Amino acid sequence: MATHDVSNKGVRPTGPVQHGQVMTVEPIIEFPDKQMHYRVEDTVLITSGTPEILSAAVPKEMVRLRGWLAAKVANKE
């Protein structure tokens, strides 16, 4: 699911963010000398109260990410 992709019809959201909408927050850390970047992405559901981080269970630290991916491969998920 790529919630940050906008419709191919060129429709862009307008107005204030409303509950029920989903958005992606994706700060990027650039390493120009290595010609690479690291994107830390979260998918957020806007609620009438505190926003819900839908991607909260996905690891963001490199060590945890490698372990998570290794477990997925081992379990063939």
Protein backbone atom coordinates (compact mmCIF):
# COMPACT_ATOMS: atom_id res chain seq x y z
CA MET A 1 0.00 0.00 0.00
CA ALA A 2 1.45 3.32 -1.04
CA THR A 3 -0.79 5.85 0.65
CA HIS A 4 1.37 8.75 -0.42
CA ASP A 5 0.75 8.14 -4.13
CA VAL A 6 -1.76 10.57 -5.54
CA SER A 7 -4.40 9.53 -8.06
CA ASN A 8 -3.23 9.20 -11.65
CA LYS A 9 -6.08 11.56 -12.57
CA GLY A 10 -4.09 14.48 -11.18
CA VAL A 11 -6.46 15.03 -8.25
CA ARG A 12 -4.69 16.58 -5.30
CA PRO A 13 -6.21 16.83 -1.82
CA THR A 14 -7.18 20.35 -0.76
CA GLY A 15 -8.28 21.92 2.49
CA PRO A 16 -7.44 20.91 6.04
CA VAL A 17 -6.60 17.33 6.97
CA GLN A 18 -9.72 15.54 8.26
CA HIS A 19 -10.28 12.45 10.39
CA GLY A 20 -10.48 9.30 8.33
CA GLN A 21 -7.72 10.43 5.97
CA VAL A 22 -4.42 8.56 5.77
CA MET A 23 -1.13 10.29 5.10
CA THR A 24 2.52 9.40 4.94
CA VAL A 25 5.21 11.19 6.91
CA GLU A 26 8.59 10.46 5.37
CA PRO A 27 11.61 12.42 6.48
CA ILE A 28 14.71 11.64 4.42
CA ILE A 29 18.30 11.59 5.62
CA GLU A 30 20.68 12.34 2.74
CA PHE A 31 24.25 11.03 2.41
CA PRO A 32 25.42 12.89 -0.73
CA ASP A 33 29.02 11.69 -0.45
CA LYS A 34 27.75 8.08 -0.63
CA GLN A 35 25.05 8.92 -3.21
CA MET A 36 22.32 7.44 -1.05
CA HIS A 37 19.50 8.39 1.27
CA TYR A 38 17.61 6.75 4.11
CA ARG A 39 13.86 7.27 4.23
CA VAL A 40 12.07 6.72 7.54
CA GLU A 41 8.42 6.43 6.58
CA ASP A 42 5.30 6.24 8.74
CA THR A 43 1.71 5.80 7.62
CA VAL A 44 -0.65 7.82 9.80
CA LEU A 45 -4.44 7.59 10.15
CA ILE A 46 -5.96 10.93 11.08
CA THR A 47 -8.57 10.43 13.80
CA SER A 48 -10.81 12.82 15.68
CA GLY A 49 -8.33 12.52 18.58
CA THR A 50 -4.70 11.43 18.56
CA PRO A 51 -3.48 10.28 15.11
CA GLU A 52 -2.85 6.51 14.84
CA ILE A 53 0.54 5.43 13.48
CA LEU A 54 -0.44 2.47 11.28
CA SER A 55 3.19 1.51 10.67
CA ALA A 56 4.21 1.62 14.35
CA ALA A 57 5.17 -2.09 14.40
CA VAL A 58 7.59 -1.71 11.48
CA PRO A 59 11.16 -1.32 12.80
CA LYS A 60 13.04 1.84 11.91
CA GLU A 61 16.46 1.16 13.44
CA MET A 62 18.81 -0.67 11.05
CA VAL A 63 19.60 -3.50 13.49
CA ARG A 64 15.90 -4.17 14.16
CA LEU A 65 15.07 -3.85 10.46
CA ARG A 66 17.65 -6.48 9.48
CA GLY A 67 16.31 -8.86 12.14
CA TRP A 68 12.72 -8.27 11.02
CA LEU A 69 13.61 -8.93 7.38
CA ALA A 70 15.59 -12.06 8.26
CA ALA A 71 12.59 -13.43 10.17
CA LYS A 72 10.29 -12.69 7.20
CA VAL A 73 12.64 -14.56 4.84
CA ALA A 74 12.99 -17.48 7.26
CA ASN A 75 9.20 -17.73 7.57
CA LYS A 76 8.73 -17.09 3.82
CA GLU A 77 6.11 -14.40 4.46
